[in-house]
Amino acid sequence: MAGKPVDRGVLAAVLTPIGEDLAPDLTPWIDHCRWLLDQGCDGLAVLSTTSEATSFSVAERRTMLETLAESGIPGAALIPGTVC
């Protein structure tokens, strides 16, 4: 999957857990993303379920995507929501 964008297969819509401060809770989110890929999902739709991205600031969304990349989840497996 490294390098080739997902264009077919199972794409999981990934909900984002949030903490009591209403900020994204990144550790369980990353763990869940890894679990979904380990279970056979071909790609992950992050920040898109029910317009989730609009609930977070641009800085939070950027941090979330950077954290996914730093955790070793291949960018080719991601379909991030892009909303304004």
Protein backbone atom coordinates (compact mmCIF):
# COMPACT_ATOMS: atom_id res chain seq x y z
CA MET A 1 0.00 0.00 0.00
CA ALA A 2 2.96 2.30 0.38
CA GLY A 3 2.90 4.99 -2.26
CA LYS A 4 -0.17 3.93 -4.26
CA PRO A 5 -3.33 5.81 -3.27
CA VAL A 6 -6.34 3.74 -2.31
CA ASP A 7 -8.86 3.65 -5.11
CA ARG A 8 -10.80 0.51 -4.18
CA GLY A 9 -11.39 -1.92 -1.36
CA VAL A 10 -12.65 -1.34 2.15
CA LEU A 11 -12.44 2.28 3.27
CA ALA A 12 -13.31 2.79 6.93
CA ALA A 13 -14.88 6.01 8.13
CA VAL A 14 -12.89 6.77 11.29
CA LEU A 15 -14.51 8.67 14.13
CA THR A 16 -12.26 10.91 16.20
CA PRO A 17 -12.32 10.43 19.98
CA ILE A 18 -12.26 13.65 21.94
CA GLY A 19 -11.20 14.40 25.48
CA GLU A 20 -13.08 16.25 28.17
CA ASP A 21 -11.52 19.47 26.85
CA LEU A 22 -13.18 18.73 23.47
CA ALA A 23 -9.76 18.41 21.79
CA PRO A 24 -8.95 15.36 19.66
CA ASP A 25 -7.61 12.47 21.76
CA LEU A 26 -4.83 11.36 19.45
CA THR A 27 -3.49 8.23 21.19
CA PRO A 28 -6.68 6.15 20.96
CA TRP A 29 -7.33 7.59 17.50
CA ILE A 30 -3.97 6.40 16.17
CA ASP A 31 -4.42 3.03 17.88
CA HIS A 32 -7.84 2.63 16.25
CA CYS A 33 -6.51 3.63 12.83
CA ARG A 34 -3.74 1.02 13.11
CA TRP A 35 -6.27 -1.59 14.25
CA LEU A 36 -8.53 -0.90 11.27
CA LEU A 37 -5.64 -1.34 8.84
CA ASP A 38 -4.48 -4.49 10.67
CA GLN A 39 -8.01 -5.91 10.30
CA GLY A 40 -7.82 -5.58 6.53
CA CYS A 41 -9.14 -2.14 5.71
CA ASP A 42 -7.51 -0.74 2.60
CA GLY A 43 -7.90 2.91 3.55
CA LEU A 44 -9.11 5.31 6.20
CA ALA A 45 -11.49 8.22 5.74
CA VAL A 46 -10.38 10.54 8.54
CA LEU A 47 -11.89 13.90 9.44
CA SER A 48 -14.82 13.26 7.18
CA THR A 49 -17.49 11.35 9.06
CA THR A 50 -20.52 13.59 9.55
CA SER A 51 -18.43 16.65 8.61
CA GLU A 52 -16.18 16.02 11.59
CA ALA A 53 -13.42 18.28 10.30
CA THR A 54 -15.55 21.37 10.85
CA SER A 55 -15.54 20.60 14.57
CA PHE A 56 -11.78 21.13 14.82
CA SER A 57 -9.56 24.12 14.13
CA VAL A 58 -7.18 24.13 11.18
CA ALA A 59 -4.29 23.76 13.65
CA GLU A 60 -5.94 20.71 15.26
CA ARG A 61 -6.59 19.10 11.88
CA ARG A 62 -3.02 19.72 10.78
CA THR A 63 -1.68 18.23 14.02
CA MET A 64 -3.94 15.21 13.59
CA LEU A 65 -2.74 14.50 10.05
CA GLU A 66 0.90 15.10 10.98
CA THR A 67 0.51 12.72 13.94
CA LEU A 68 -0.91 10.04 11.64
CA ALA A 69 2.07 10.44 9.31
CA GLU A 70 4.57 10.37 12.18
CA SER A 71 2.96 7.22 13.56
CA GLY A 72 3.83 5.31 10.40
CA ILE A 73 0.38 5.14 8.86
CA PRO A 74 0.98 5.49 5.11
CA GLY A 75 -0.40 8.66 3.57
CA ALA A 76 -1.55 6.61 0.58
CA ALA A 77 -4.02 4.86 2.91
CA LEU A 78 -5.67 8.12 3.98
CA ILE A 79 -8.59 9.99 2.52
CA PRO A 80 -8.78 13.06 4.76
CA GLY A 81 -11.83 15.26 4.82
CA THR A 82 -11.20 18.71 3.41
CA VAL A 83 -13.86 21.20 4.41
CA CYS A 84 -13.90 24.90 5.13
